[in-house]
């Protein structure tokens, strides 16, 4: 077995020391997780990085937390939309004049904005229970 003369630097910046007579080594730096393997030519190379798996798990956890947050926001918006006066929606969608449509669109927008202000301030209201 050939021992490499030069010391290698891991991806984390730590200088690696490889054990004599072994073909696999792992970086000892915390949160690095690089696995080194002795190749056929006698040179050490990184074969697998555990940090990528840790990053993958962190990203999946972040996505799940964002799903929960957006579900709460979506539920709040839908709950507020259910409470809109049906007459306003009818006048908005069936009026002939643009000024009437604008009037009811504005009324609906103001109602939704006022309904969602407790959510914006971070208060748990009737929407997030």
N, C-alpha and C. Protein backbone atom coordinates (compact mmCIF):
# COMPACT_ATOMS: atom_id res chain seq x y z
N UNK A 1 0.84 -1.17 0.00
CA UNK A 1 0.00 0.00 0.00
C UNK A 1 0.89 1.25 0.00
N UNK A 2 0.52 2.20 -0.82
CA UNK A 2 1.31 3.42 -0.96
C UNK A 2 0.74 4.49 -0.05
N UNK A 3 1.61 5.13 0.70
CA UNK A 3 1.18 6.23 1.54
C UNK A 3 1.50 7.53 0.82
N UNK A 4 0.53 8.42 0.77
CA UNK A 4 0.73 9.68 0.08
C UNK A 4 1.66 10.57 0.89
N UNK A 5 2.62 11.18 0.22
CA UNK A 5 3.64 11.97 0.91
C UNK A 5 3.08 13.31 1.37
N UNK A 6 2.24 13.93 0.57
CA UNK A 6 1.71 15.25 0.92
C UNK A 6 0.46 15.12 1.77
N UNK A 7 0.29 16.04 2.70
CA UNK A 7 -0.94 16.04 3.49
C UNK A 7 -2.01 16.79 2.71
N UNK A 8 -3.20 16.29 2.76
CA UNK A 8 -4.32 16.88 2.03
C UNK A 8 -5.11 17.78 2.95
N UNK A 9 -5.80 18.74 2.37
CA UNK A 9 -6.68 19.63 3.13
C UNK A 9 -8.11 19.26 2.81
N UNK A 10 -8.89 19.09 3.84
CA UNK A 10 -10.30 18.73 3.68
C UNK A 10 -11.09 19.94 3.19
N UNK A 11 -12.33 19.73 2.80
CA UNK A 11 -13.17 20.82 2.31
C UNK A 11 -13.50 21.82 3.42
N UNK A 12 -13.35 21.39 4.68
CA UNK A 12 -13.62 22.30 5.81
C UNK A 12 -12.39 23.12 6.16
N UNK A 13 -11.22 22.83 5.54
CA UNK A 13 -10.00 23.58 5.80
C UNK A 13 -9.06 22.87 6.75
N UNK A 14 -9.47 21.78 7.34
CA UNK A 14 -8.65 21.02 8.27
C UNK A 14 -7.63 20.18 7.49
N UNK A 15 -6.40 20.13 7.98
CA UNK A 15 -5.39 19.27 7.37
C UNK A 15 -5.67 17.84 7.79
N UNK A 16 -5.74 16.96 6.81
CA UNK A 16 -6.08 15.56 7.08
C UNK A 16 -4.81 14.75 7.35
N UNK A 17 -4.90 13.85 8.29
CA UNK A 17 -3.84 12.86 8.51
C UNK A 17 -4.49 11.49 8.32
N UNK A 18 -3.91 10.70 7.45
CA UNK A 18 -4.52 9.43 7.09
C UNK A 18 -3.85 8.29 7.84
N UNK A 19 -4.62 7.36 8.36
CA UNK A 19 -4.04 6.23 9.11
C UNK A 19 -3.28 5.28 8.19
N UNK A 20 -2.18 4.76 8.71
CA UNK A 20 -1.34 3.83 7.95
C UNK A 20 -2.06 2.49 7.79
N UNK A 21 -2.08 1.98 6.58
CA UNK A 21 -2.63 0.65 6.34
C UNK A 21 -4.14 0.60 6.17
N UNK A 22 -4.82 1.74 6.17
CA UNK A 22 -6.27 1.74 5.96
C UNK A 22 -6.59 2.43 4.65
N UNK A 23 -7.74 2.05 4.08
CA UNK A 23 -8.10 2.64 2.79
C UNK A 23 -9.25 3.64 2.91
N UNK A 24 -9.83 3.78 4.11
CA UNK A 24 -10.91 4.74 4.34
C UNK A 24 -10.61 5.58 5.56
N UNK A 25 -11.01 6.85 5.50
CA UNK A 25 -10.84 7.76 6.64
C UNK A 25 -11.99 8.76 6.62
N UNK A 26 -12.27 9.30 7.80
CA UNK A 26 -13.34 10.28 7.92
C UNK A 26 -12.77 11.52 8.58
N UNK A 27 -13.18 12.69 8.10
CA UNK A 27 -12.71 13.94 8.69
C UNK A 27 -13.25 14.04 10.12
N UNK A 28 -12.39 14.44 11.04
CA UNK A 28 -12.77 14.49 12.45
C UNK A 28 -13.36 15.82 12.87
N UNK A 29 -13.39 16.79 11.96
CA UNK A 29 -13.95 18.09 12.27
C UNK A 29 -15.46 17.98 12.45
N UNK A 30 -15.97 18.67 13.47
CA UNK A 30 -17.41 18.63 13.72
C UNK A 30 -18.16 19.29 12.58
N UNK A 31 -19.26 18.71 12.16
CA UNK A 31 -20.14 19.19 11.09
C UNK A 31 -19.51 19.17 9.70
N UNK A 32 -18.39 18.45 9.52
CA UNK A 32 -17.81 18.33 8.18
C UNK A 32 -18.36 17.09 7.49
N UNK A 33 -18.02 15.92 8.01
CA UNK A 33 -18.57 14.68 7.50
C UNK A 33 -18.04 14.20 6.17
N UNK A 34 -16.84 14.64 5.77
CA UNK A 34 -16.26 14.18 4.51
C UNK A 34 -15.64 12.80 4.71
N UNK A 35 -15.96 11.87 3.82
CA UNK A 35 -15.38 10.53 3.84
C UNK A 35 -14.32 10.45 2.76
N UNK A 36 -13.11 10.04 3.14
CA UNK A 36 -11.98 9.93 2.23
C UNK A 36 -11.71 8.47 1.94
N UNK A 37 -11.26 8.18 0.73
CA UNK A 37 -10.94 6.81 0.35
C UNK A 37 -9.66 6.82 -0.48
N UNK A 38 -8.82 5.82 -0.24
CA UNK A 38 -7.57 5.70 -0.97
C UNK A 38 -7.86 5.06 -2.33
N UNK A 39 -7.52 5.79 -3.39
CA UNK A 39 -7.78 5.30 -4.74
C UNK A 39 -6.73 4.30 -5.22
N UNK A 40 -6.93 3.77 -6.40
CA UNK A 40 -6.03 2.76 -6.98
C UNK A 40 -4.64 3.34 -7.27
N UNK A 41 -4.57 4.63 -7.56
CA UNK A 41 -3.29 5.26 -7.88
C UNK A 41 -2.51 5.64 -6.63
N UNK A 42 -3.10 5.48 -5.46
CA UNK A 42 -2.41 5.81 -4.22
C UNK A 42 -2.72 7.20 -3.71
N UNK A 43 -3.73 7.87 -4.25
CA UNK A 43 -4.10 9.20 -3.81
C UNK A 43 -5.42 9.16 -3.07
N UNK A 44 -5.53 9.96 -2.03
CA UNK A 44 -6.76 10.05 -1.24
C UNK A 44 -7.72 11.01 -1.93
N UNK A 45 -9.00 10.65 -1.95
CA UNK A 45 -10.02 11.49 -2.56
C UNK A 45 -11.30 11.41 -1.73
N UNK A 46 -12.09 12.47 -1.79
CA UNK A 46 -13.37 12.50 -1.08
C UNK A 46 -14.37 11.68 -1.88
N UNK A 47 -15.00 10.72 -1.22
CA UNK A 47 -15.98 9.88 -1.91
C UNK A 47 -17.41 10.24 -1.55
N UNK A 48 -17.60 10.78 -0.35
CA UNK A 48 -18.96 11.06 0.10
C UNK A 48 -18.91 12.16 1.14
N UNK A 49 -19.88 13.04 1.11
CA UNK A 49 -19.94 14.14 2.08
C UNK A 49 -21.25 14.02 2.85
N UNK A 50 -21.15 13.79 4.15
CA UNK A 50 -22.35 13.69 5.00
C UNK A 50 -23.01 15.05 5.20
N UNK A 51 -22.26 16.12 5.03
CA UNK A 51 -22.82 17.45 5.23
C UNK A 51 -23.93 17.73 4.21
N UNK A 52 -23.80 17.16 3.01
CA UNK A 52 -24.84 17.34 2.00
C UNK A 52 -26.15 16.70 2.47
N UNK A 53 -26.05 15.57 3.12
CA UNK A 53 -27.25 14.93 3.66
C UNK A 53 -27.85 15.77 4.78
N UNK A 54 -26.98 16.33 5.63
CA UNK A 54 -27.47 17.20 6.70
C UNK A 54 -28.16 18.43 6.12
N UNK A 55 -27.59 18.99 5.06
CA UNK A 55 -28.19 20.14 4.41
C UNK A 55 -29.53 19.77 3.79
N UNK A 56 -29.59 18.59 3.18
CA UNK A 56 -30.82 18.10 2.58
C UNK A 56 -31.92 17.98 3.64
N UNK A 57 -31.58 17.43 4.80
CA UNK A 57 -32.56 17.29 5.87
C UNK A 57 -33.01 18.66 6.39
N UNK A 58 -32.06 19.60 6.49
CA UNK A 58 -32.41 20.95 6.96
C UNK A 58 -33.34 21.64 5.98
N UNK A 59 -33.09 21.46 4.68
CA UNK A 59 -33.95 22.07 3.66
C UNK A 59 -35.35 21.47 3.72
N UNK A 60 -35.43 20.13 3.89
CA UNK A 60 -36.73 19.49 3.99
C UNK A 60 -37.50 19.98 5.21
N UNK A 61 -36.80 20.16 6.33
CA UNK A 61 -37.45 20.67 7.54
C UNK A 61 -37.94 22.10 7.33
N UNK A 62 -37.14 22.93 6.63
CA UNK A 62 -37.54 24.30 6.33
C UNK A 62 -38.78 24.33 5.44
N UNK A 63 -38.81 23.45 4.44
CA UNK A 63 -39.96 23.40 3.53
C UNK A 63 -41.22 23.00 4.30
N UNK A 64 -41.10 22.03 5.20
CA UNK A 64 -42.26 21.61 6.00
C UNK A 64 -42.76 22.75 6.87
N UNK A 65 -41.84 23.51 7.49
CA UNK A 65 -42.27 24.63 8.33
C UNK A 65 -42.94 25.72 7.50
N UNK A 66 -42.44 25.93 6.26
CA UNK A 66 -43.07 26.92 5.39
C UNK A 66 -44.46 26.47 4.95
N UNK A 67 -44.63 25.16 4.74
CA UNK A 67 -45.95 24.64 4.39
C UNK A 67 -46.94 24.94 5.51
N UNK A 68 -46.52 24.71 6.75
CA UNK A 68 -47.41 24.97 7.89
C UNK A 68 -47.75 26.46 7.97
N UNK A 69 -46.75 27.32 7.79
CA UNK A 69 -46.98 28.76 7.86
C UNK A 69 -47.93 29.23 6.76
N UNK A 70 -47.68 28.78 5.52
CA UNK A 70 -48.54 29.20 4.42
C UNK A 70 -49.94 28.62 4.54
N UNK A 71 -50.05 27.45 5.12
CA UNK A 71 -51.38 26.87 5.34
C UNK A 71 -52.17 27.73 6.30
N UNK A 72 -51.50 28.23 7.36
CA UNK A 72 -52.18 29.12 8.31
C UNK A 72 -52.63 30.41 7.63
N UNK A 73 -51.74 30.98 6.82
CA UNK A 73 -52.09 32.23 6.13
C UNK A 73 -53.24 31.99 5.15
N UNK A 74 -53.16 30.91 4.39
CA UNK A 74 -54.20 30.59 3.43
C UNK A 74 -55.54 30.37 4.14
N UNK A 75 -55.51 29.67 5.26
CA UNK A 75 -56.73 29.44 6.04
C UNK A 75 -57.31 30.77 6.53
N UNK A 76 -56.44 31.66 6.98
CA UNK A 76 -56.91 32.97 7.45
C UNK A 76 -57.55 33.76 6.33
N UNK A 77 -56.95 33.74 5.16
CA UNK A 77 -57.51 34.49 4.02
C UNK A 77 -58.85 33.90 3.60
N UNK A 78 -58.92 32.57 3.54
CA UNK A 78 -60.17 31.94 3.14
C UNK A 78 -61.28 32.18 4.17
N UNK A 79 -60.94 32.17 5.45
CA UNK A 79 -61.93 32.44 6.49
C UNK A 79 -62.43 33.87 6.38
N UNK A 80 -61.52 34.81 6.13
CA UNK A 80 -61.92 36.21 5.97
C UNK A 80 -62.76 36.38 4.70
N UNK A 81 -62.45 35.65 3.65
CA UNK A 81 -63.19 35.76 2.39
C UNK A 81 -64.61 35.21 2.54
N UNK A 82 -64.79 34.22 3.41
CA UNK A 82 -66.13 33.66 3.61
C UNK A 82 -67.06 34.65 4.30
N UNK A 83 -66.48 35.59 5.06
CA UNK A 83 -67.28 36.55 5.81
C UNK A 83 -67.64 37.81 5.03
N UNK A 84 -67.20 37.90 3.77
CA UNK A 84 -67.51 39.09 2.96
C UNK A 84 -69.01 39.10 2.66
N UNK A 85 -69.57 40.28 2.69
CA UNK A 85 -71.00 40.45 2.39
C UNK A 85 -71.27 39.94 0.97
N UNK A 86 -72.16 38.96 0.80
CA UNK A 86 -72.42 38.41 -0.54
C UNK A 86 -73.00 39.45 -1.51
N UNK A 87 -73.66 40.43 -0.96
CA UNK A 87 -74.22 41.49 -1.81
C UNK A 87 -73.11 42.28 -2.49
N UNK A 88 -72.01 42.54 -1.75
CA UNK A 88 -70.88 43.25 -2.33
C UNK A 88 -70.28 42.44 -3.48
N UNK A 89 -70.13 41.14 -3.29
CA UNK A 89 -69.58 40.29 -4.35
C UNK A 89 -70.49 40.29 -5.58
N UNK A 90 -71.80 40.26 -5.34
CA UNK A 90 -72.74 40.27 -6.46
C UNK A 90 -72.66 41.60 -7.20
N UNK A 91 -72.68 42.71 -6.47
CA UNK A 91 -72.59 44.02 -7.12
C UNK A 91 -71.26 44.18 -7.86
N UNK A 92 -70.20 43.67 -7.28
CA UNK A 92 -68.88 43.77 -7.93
C UNK A 92 -68.87 42.99 -9.24
N UNK A 93 -69.43 41.80 -9.26
CA UNK A 93 -69.32 40.96 -10.45
C UNK A 93 -70.39 41.24 -11.50
N UNK A 94 -71.53 41.86 -11.13
CA UNK A 94 -72.62 42.03 -12.09
C UNK A 94 -72.95 43.47 -12.45
N UNK A 95 -72.25 44.44 -11.91
CA UNK A 95 -72.59 45.82 -12.24
C UNK A 95 -72.08 46.18 -13.64
N UNK A 96 -72.84 47.09 -14.28
CA UNK A 96 -72.50 47.48 -15.64
C UNK A 96 -71.42 48.56 -15.65
N UNK A 97 -71.45 49.43 -14.68
CA UNK A 97 -70.55 50.58 -14.67
C UNK A 97 -69.24 50.25 -13.94
N UNK A 98 -68.15 50.74 -14.50
CA UNK A 98 -66.82 50.50 -13.92
C UNK A 98 -66.69 51.16 -12.57
N UNK A 99 -67.29 52.33 -12.35
CA UNK A 99 -67.15 53.01 -11.07
C UNK A 99 -67.82 52.22 -9.94
N UNK A 100 -68.90 51.52 -10.26
CA UNK A 100 -69.57 50.68 -9.26
C UNK A 100 -68.71 49.46 -8.94
N UNK A 101 -68.13 48.86 -9.98
CA UNK A 101 -67.23 47.72 -9.74
C UNK A 101 -66.04 48.15 -8.90
N UNK A 102 -65.48 49.33 -9.20
CA UNK A 102 -64.35 49.83 -8.42
C UNK A 102 -64.74 50.09 -6.96
N UNK A 103 -65.95 50.62 -6.77
CA UNK A 103 -66.44 50.92 -5.42
C UNK A 103 -66.51 49.64 -4.58
N UNK A 104 -67.09 48.59 -5.15
CA UNK A 104 -67.24 47.35 -4.38
C UNK A 104 -65.93 46.59 -4.28
N UNK A 105 -65.09 46.70 -5.28
CA UNK A 105 -63.76 46.10 -5.17
C UNK A 105 -62.98 46.74 -4.02
N UNK A 106 -63.08 48.05 -3.91
CA UNK A 106 -62.42 48.76 -2.82
C UNK A 106 -62.99 48.35 -1.47
N UNK A 107 -64.32 48.21 -1.38
CA UNK A 107 -64.96 47.81 -0.13
C UNK A 107 -64.50 46.40 0.28
N UNK A 108 -64.43 45.49 -0.69
CA UNK A 108 -63.99 44.11 -0.41
C UNK A 108 -62.53 44.12 0.03
N UNK A 109 -61.69 44.89 -0.66
CA UNK A 109 -60.27 44.96 -0.30
C UNK A 109 -60.07 45.52 1.10
N UNK A 110 -60.81 46.58 1.45
CA UNK A 110 -60.70 47.17 2.79
C UNK A 110 -61.15 46.17 3.85
N UNK A 111 -62.24 45.45 3.56
CA UNK A 111 -62.74 44.47 4.52
C UNK A 111 -61.71 43.36 4.75
N UNK A 112 -61.12 42.84 3.67
CA UNK A 112 -60.11 41.79 3.81
C UNK A 112 -58.87 42.30 4.55
N UNK A 113 -58.45 43.51 4.23
CA UNK A 113 -57.28 44.09 4.90
C UNK A 113 -57.52 44.24 6.39
N UNK A 114 -58.70 44.77 6.75
CA UNK A 114 -59.02 44.94 8.16
C UNK A 114 -59.18 43.59 8.88
N UNK A 115 -59.69 42.60 8.17
CA UNK A 115 -59.86 41.27 8.78
C UNK A 115 -58.53 40.59 9.03
N UNK A 116 -57.53 40.87 8.18
CA UNK A 116 -56.23 40.19 8.29
C UNK A 116 -55.20 40.97 9.10
N UNK A 117 -55.55 42.17 9.59
CA UNK A 117 -54.60 42.94 10.38
C UNK A 117 -54.17 42.24 11.66
N UNK A 118 -55.05 41.54 12.40
CA UNK A 118 -54.55 40.82 13.59
C UNK A 118 -53.51 39.76 13.22
N UNK A 119 -53.67 39.14 12.06
CA UNK A 119 -52.69 38.14 11.61
C UNK A 119 -51.36 38.82 11.29
N UNK A 120 -51.42 40.02 10.71
CA UNK A 120 -50.21 40.74 10.35
C UNK A 120 -49.45 41.19 11.60
N UNK A 121 -50.17 41.54 12.66
CA UNK A 121 -49.53 41.96 13.90
C UNK A 121 -48.99 40.79 14.71
N UNK A 122 -49.29 39.58 14.28
CA UNK A 122 -48.80 38.41 14.98
C UNK A 122 -49.72 37.92 16.07
N UNK A 123 -50.88 38.53 16.20
CA UNK A 123 -51.83 38.09 17.22
C UNK A 123 -52.59 36.88 16.70
N UNK A 124 -52.81 35.95 17.57
CA UNK A 124 -53.59 34.77 17.19
C UNK A 124 -55.04 35.12 17.41
N UNK A 125 -55.76 35.24 16.32
CA UNK A 125 -57.17 35.57 16.39
C UNK A 125 -58.01 34.37 16.08
N UNK A 126 -59.19 34.64 15.55
CA UNK A 126 -60.11 33.55 15.23
C UNK A 126 -59.63 32.72 14.04
N UNK A 127 -58.64 33.25 13.27
CA UNK A 127 -58.20 32.56 12.08
C UNK A 127 -57.25 31.41 12.35
N UNK A 128 -56.41 31.55 13.37
CA UNK A 128 -55.34 30.58 13.58
C UNK A 128 -55.61 29.62 14.72
N UNK A 129 -56.79 29.57 15.19
CA UNK A 129 -57.08 28.69 16.33
C UNK A 129 -57.23 27.27 15.90
